N, C-alpha and C. Protein backbone atom coordinates (compact mmCIF):
# COMPACT_ATOMS: atom_id res chain seq x y z
N MET A 1 24.03 145.04 -24.91
CA MET A 1 22.87 144.06 -25.65
C MET A 1 23.20 142.70 -24.94
N PHE A 2 22.34 141.86 -24.60
CA PHE A 2 22.16 140.63 -23.85
C PHE A 2 20.57 140.31 -24.09
N ARG A 3 20.67 138.50 -24.17
CA ARG A 3 19.48 138.09 -24.03
C ARG A 3 19.40 136.81 -23.38
N LEU A 4 18.59 136.18 -22.79
CA LEU A 4 18.62 134.96 -22.25
C LEU A 4 17.01 134.48 -21.93
N THR A 5 17.06 132.89 -22.35
CA THR A 5 15.67 132.55 -22.27
C THR A 5 15.81 131.79 -20.89
N VAL A 6 14.76 131.90 -19.72
CA VAL A 6 14.75 131.57 -18.44
C VAL A 6 14.52 130.00 -18.79
N GLN A 7 15.35 128.84 -18.34
CA GLN A 7 15.20 127.59 -18.41
C GLN A 7 14.68 127.13 -17.36
N ASP A 8 15.14 127.37 -15.82
CA ASP A 8 14.93 126.91 -14.84
C ASP A 8 14.86 128.17 -14.10
N VAL A 9 13.88 128.11 -12.89
CA VAL A 9 13.96 129.19 -11.58
C VAL A 9 13.81 128.26 -10.43
N PHE A 10 14.44 129.07 -9.83
CA PHE A 10 14.27 128.75 -7.90
C PHE A 10 15.15 129.43 -7.15
N VAL A 11 14.31 129.40 -5.56
CA VAL A 11 14.85 130.11 -4.84
C VAL A 11 15.84 129.45 -3.59
N ILE A 12 16.71 130.28 -3.29
CA ILE A 12 17.49 129.74 -2.28
C ILE A 12 17.28 130.41 -0.95
N LYS A 13 17.24 130.23 -0.14
CA LYS A 13 16.58 130.62 1.20
C LYS A 13 17.90 131.99 1.52
N GLY A 14 17.69 132.94 1.93
CA GLY A 14 18.15 134.00 2.36
C GLY A 14 19.23 134.90 1.34
N ARG A 15 19.18 134.28 -0.16
CA ARG A 15 19.52 135.09 -1.05
C ARG A 15 18.99 135.33 -2.18
N GLY A 16 18.04 134.66 -2.40
CA GLY A 16 17.27 135.61 -3.26
C GLY A 16 16.72 134.16 -4.61
N LEU A 17 16.31 134.97 -5.84
CA LEU A 17 15.62 134.20 -6.55
C LEU A 17 16.98 134.03 -8.02
N VAL A 18 17.25 132.65 -8.21
CA VAL A 18 17.96 132.19 -9.43
C VAL A 18 17.19 131.93 -10.38
N ALA A 19 17.54 132.55 -11.97
CA ALA A 19 17.06 132.34 -13.11
C ALA A 19 18.25 131.77 -13.80
N THR A 20 17.95 130.44 -14.52
CA THR A 20 19.28 129.77 -15.20
C THR A 20 18.54 129.60 -16.66
N GLY A 21 19.92 129.57 -17.43
CA GLY A 21 19.43 129.43 -19.05
C GLY A 21 20.90 129.50 -19.45
N ARG A 22 20.93 129.91 -20.83
CA ARG A 22 22.13 130.08 -21.62
C ARG A 22 21.97 131.36 -22.49
N VAL A 23 23.64 131.96 -22.29
CA VAL A 23 23.27 133.01 -23.03
C VAL A 23 23.17 133.36 -24.25
N GLU A 24 22.26 134.04 -24.87
CA GLU A 24 21.96 133.65 -26.39
C GLU A 24 22.66 135.10 -27.41
N LEU A 25 22.89 136.14 -26.46
CA LEU A 25 23.39 137.33 -27.39
C LEU A 25 23.96 138.24 -26.48
N GLY A 26 25.13 138.69 -26.72
CA GLY A 26 25.91 139.74 -25.75
C GLY A 26 26.13 139.49 -24.54
N ALA A 27 26.43 139.90 -23.57
CA ALA A 27 27.13 139.54 -22.13
C ALA A 27 26.45 140.33 -21.09
N VAL A 28 26.42 139.44 -19.68
CA VAL A 28 25.88 140.09 -18.52
C VAL A 28 26.92 139.87 -17.34
N ARG A 29 26.67 141.13 -17.07
CA ARG A 29 28.08 141.39 -15.67
C ARG A 29 27.14 141.69 -14.28
N VAL A 30 27.80 141.31 -13.22
CA VAL A 30 27.27 141.86 -11.62
C VAL A 30 26.82 142.96 -11.81
N GLY A 31 25.72 143.98 -11.39
CA GLY A 31 25.27 145.10 -11.17
C GLY A 31 24.78 145.38 -12.65
N ASP A 32 24.58 144.58 -13.64
CA ASP A 32 23.72 145.18 -14.95
C ASP A 32 22.40 144.94 -14.43
N GLU A 33 21.61 145.95 -15.27
CA GLU A 33 20.30 145.98 -15.17
C GLU A 33 19.38 145.22 -16.33
N VAL A 34 18.57 144.41 -15.82
CA VAL A 34 18.08 143.34 -17.06
C VAL A 34 16.66 143.46 -17.10
N ARG A 35 15.93 143.59 -18.11
CA ARG A 35 14.22 143.56 -18.31
C ARG A 35 13.56 142.03 -18.49
N ILE A 36 12.68 141.75 -17.47
CA ILE A 36 12.01 140.61 -17.40
C ILE A 36 10.94 140.92 -18.61
N ASN A 37 10.96 140.20 -19.92
CA ASN A 37 9.99 140.01 -20.85
C ASN A 37 9.67 141.29 -21.64
N GLY A 38 10.98 142.43 -21.47
CA GLY A 38 11.06 144.02 -21.96
C GLY A 38 10.09 144.72 -20.91
N ALA A 39 9.99 144.16 -19.95
CA ALA A 39 8.88 145.15 -18.96
C ALA A 39 10.13 145.32 -17.45
N ARG A 40 9.58 144.84 -16.49
CA ARG A 40 10.60 145.17 -15.27
C ARG A 40 11.71 145.13 -15.48
N ALA A 41 12.30 146.27 -14.89
CA ALA A 41 13.64 146.37 -14.80
C ALA A 41 14.49 145.63 -13.22
N VAL A 42 15.52 144.80 -13.24
CA VAL A 42 15.93 144.43 -11.85
C VAL A 42 17.22 144.34 -12.37
N GLN A 43 18.16 144.23 -11.02
CA GLN A 43 19.53 144.36 -11.05
C GLN A 43 20.30 143.04 -10.75
N VAL A 44 21.41 142.58 -11.48
CA VAL A 44 22.03 141.10 -11.35
C VAL A 44 22.40 141.52 -10.14
N ASP A 45 22.41 140.49 -8.97
CA ASP A 45 23.10 140.58 -8.23
C ASP A 45 24.56 139.52 -8.11
N ALA A 46 24.26 138.18 -8.86
CA ALA A 46 25.35 137.45 -8.74
C ALA A 46 25.55 136.83 -10.10
N VAL A 47 26.35 136.35 -10.76
CA VAL A 47 26.50 135.52 -12.05
C VAL A 47 27.17 134.36 -11.61
N GLU A 48 26.74 132.80 -11.82
CA GLU A 48 27.29 131.77 -11.67
C GLU A 48 27.35 130.81 -12.95
N GLN A 49 28.60 130.06 -12.72
CA GLN A 49 28.66 128.96 -14.18
C GLN A 49 29.03 127.95 -12.96
N PHE A 50 28.71 126.90 -13.21
CA PHE A 50 28.90 125.69 -12.59
C PHE A 50 29.36 125.56 -11.10
N ARG A 51 28.12 126.35 -10.43
CA ARG A 51 28.61 126.71 -9.11
C ARG A 51 29.80 127.01 -8.45
N LYS A 52 30.30 128.34 -9.35
CA LYS A 52 31.19 129.33 -9.00
C LYS A 52 31.05 130.78 -9.73
N LYS A 53 31.40 131.82 -8.60
CA LYS A 53 30.73 132.84 -9.02
C LYS A 53 31.79 133.64 -10.12
N VAL A 54 31.05 134.03 -10.78
CA VAL A 54 32.24 134.75 -12.20
C VAL A 54 31.41 136.30 -12.15
N ASP A 55 32.62 137.03 -12.82
CA ASP A 55 32.35 138.35 -13.01
C ASP A 55 31.11 138.62 -14.27
N GLU A 56 31.18 137.99 -15.36
CA GLU A 56 30.72 138.15 -16.69
C GLU A 56 30.26 136.77 -17.15
N ALA A 57 28.92 136.86 -18.23
CA ALA A 57 28.64 135.70 -18.66
C ALA A 57 28.70 136.12 -20.10
N VAL A 58 29.32 135.28 -21.21
CA VAL A 58 28.98 135.27 -22.42
C VAL A 58 28.21 134.94 -23.13
N VAL A 59 28.00 134.85 -24.54
CA VAL A 59 27.32 133.86 -25.60
C VAL A 59 27.80 132.43 -25.39
N GLY A 60 26.67 131.80 -25.50
CA GLY A 60 27.17 130.01 -24.99
C GLY A 60 27.27 129.60 -23.52
N ASP A 61 27.29 130.53 -22.73
CA ASP A 61 27.47 130.45 -20.94
C ASP A 61 26.04 129.93 -20.55
N ASN A 62 26.41 128.78 -20.02
CA ASN A 62 24.85 128.44 -19.32
C ASN A 62 25.40 128.94 -17.65
N VAL A 63 24.27 129.71 -17.40
CA VAL A 63 24.45 130.78 -15.76
C VAL A 63 23.10 130.71 -15.19
N GLY A 64 23.56 130.84 -14.19
CA GLY A 64 22.40 131.12 -13.00
C GLY A 64 22.72 132.57 -12.58
N LEU A 65 21.59 133.27 -12.87
CA LEU A 65 21.73 134.74 -12.60
C LEU A 65 20.43 135.09 -11.00
N LEU A 66 21.39 135.47 -10.24
CA LEU A 66 20.68 135.70 -8.57
C LEU A 66 20.19 137.14 -8.76
N PHE A 67 18.92 137.09 -8.38
CA PHE A 67 18.26 138.37 -8.43
C PHE A 67 17.81 138.42 -6.95
N SER A 68 18.29 139.18 -5.94
CA SER A 68 17.78 139.26 -4.23
C SER A 68 16.47 140.07 -4.05
N THR A 69 15.94 140.64 -5.30
CA THR A 69 14.68 141.55 -4.94
C THR A 69 13.45 141.02 -5.62
N LEU A 70 13.59 139.69 -6.23
CA LEU A 70 12.41 139.43 -7.00
C LEU A 70 12.03 138.32 -6.24
N GLU A 71 10.78 137.86 -6.31
CA GLU A 71 9.72 136.78 -5.89
C GLU A 71 9.92 135.51 -6.84
N ARG A 72 9.12 134.18 -6.15
CA ARG A 72 9.38 132.92 -7.44
C ARG A 72 8.27 133.48 -8.35
N SER A 73 7.17 133.99 -8.17
CA SER A 73 6.16 134.37 -9.06
C SER A 73 6.69 135.33 -10.07
N ASP A 74 7.53 136.15 -9.74
CA ASP A 74 8.07 137.17 -10.79
C ASP A 74 9.05 136.82 -12.27
N VAL A 75 9.57 135.40 -11.96
CA VAL A 75 9.84 134.81 -13.27
C VAL A 75 9.75 133.56 -13.66
N SER A 76 9.25 133.21 -14.26
CA SER A 76 8.97 131.93 -14.76
C SER A 76 9.99 131.04 -16.13
N PRO A 77 9.75 129.56 -16.06
CA PRO A 77 10.62 129.48 -17.46
C PRO A 77 9.83 129.89 -18.56
N GLY A 78 10.63 129.90 -19.52
CA GLY A 78 10.16 130.94 -20.87
C GLY A 78 10.50 132.20 -20.90
N ASP A 79 10.54 132.64 -20.05
CA ASP A 79 10.45 134.06 -19.88
C ASP A 79 12.02 134.47 -20.55
N VAL A 80 12.05 135.96 -20.91
CA VAL A 80 12.98 136.41 -21.93
C VAL A 80 13.81 137.47 -20.46
N LEU A 81 15.18 137.39 -20.71
CA LEU A 81 15.81 138.30 -19.81
C LEU A 81 16.71 139.44 -21.24
N THR A 82 16.61 140.35 -20.88
CA THR A 82 17.48 141.53 -22.14
C THR A 82 17.86 142.64 -21.38
N SER A 83 18.94 143.10 -22.29
CA SER A 83 19.39 144.36 -21.73
C SER A 83 19.70 145.02 -23.16
N GLY A 84 19.89 146.47 -22.47
CA GLY A 84 20.32 147.23 -23.86
C GLY A 84 19.09 147.57 -25.00
N ALA A 85 19.72 147.47 -26.19
CA ALA A 85 18.55 147.62 -27.28
C ALA A 85 18.09 146.24 -27.87
N VAL A 86 18.12 145.17 -26.69
CA VAL A 86 17.44 143.91 -27.36
C VAL A 86 16.02 143.87 -26.85
N GLU A 87 15.49 143.23 -27.94
CA GLU A 87 13.75 143.23 -27.44
C GLU A 87 13.58 141.75 -27.58
N PRO A 88 12.66 141.44 -26.40
CA PRO A 88 12.06 140.14 -26.43
C PRO A 88 11.80 139.48 -27.90
N ALA A 89 11.37 138.32 -28.15
CA ALA A 89 10.61 137.50 -29.49
C ALA A 89 9.46 137.92 -29.42
N SER A 90 8.82 138.48 -30.48
CA SER A 90 7.47 138.97 -30.20
C SER A 90 6.72 137.51 -30.41
N GLY A 91 5.51 137.53 -30.35
CA GLY A 91 4.29 136.48 -30.17
C GLY A 91 4.27 135.61 -31.60
N GLY A 92 4.76 136.37 -32.87
CA GLY A 92 4.59 135.90 -33.98
C GLY A 92 4.71 136.86 -35.02
N VAL A 93 4.11 136.52 -36.67
CA VAL A 93 4.35 137.52 -37.52
C VAL A 93 2.98 137.11 -38.74
N GLU A 94 2.28 138.10 -38.90
CA GLU A 94 1.04 138.07 -39.70
C GLU A 94 1.44 137.99 -41.15
N VAL A 95 1.22 137.42 -41.76
CA VAL A 95 1.41 136.80 -43.02
C VAL A 95 -0.08 136.66 -43.69
N SER A 96 -0.19 137.46 -44.90
CA SER A 96 -1.15 137.15 -45.75
C SER A 96 -0.87 136.46 -46.95
N LEU A 97 -1.46 135.43 -47.75
CA LEU A 97 -1.12 134.89 -49.00
C LEU A 97 -2.23 135.82 -49.98
């Protein structure tokens, strides 16, 4: 289980797209498959914290996740990256009084 809300996105020429944010739930490792907004699945190519490569990021860590197969238009700030049984937050709830 893993969830991260994307705070910023940028491209490193020759490497790929980096999505940054704080891990909200669970952990993510290099090689894990994550889903963008519960739809498209993609593999994490690298995890970095404060410009240092790490093997794993856990709850509370501010990280950059590198994806070599994505384009800038595939991920935007506010998107939710998840893995496992975690679903992205819904658009709201319906309440009647």
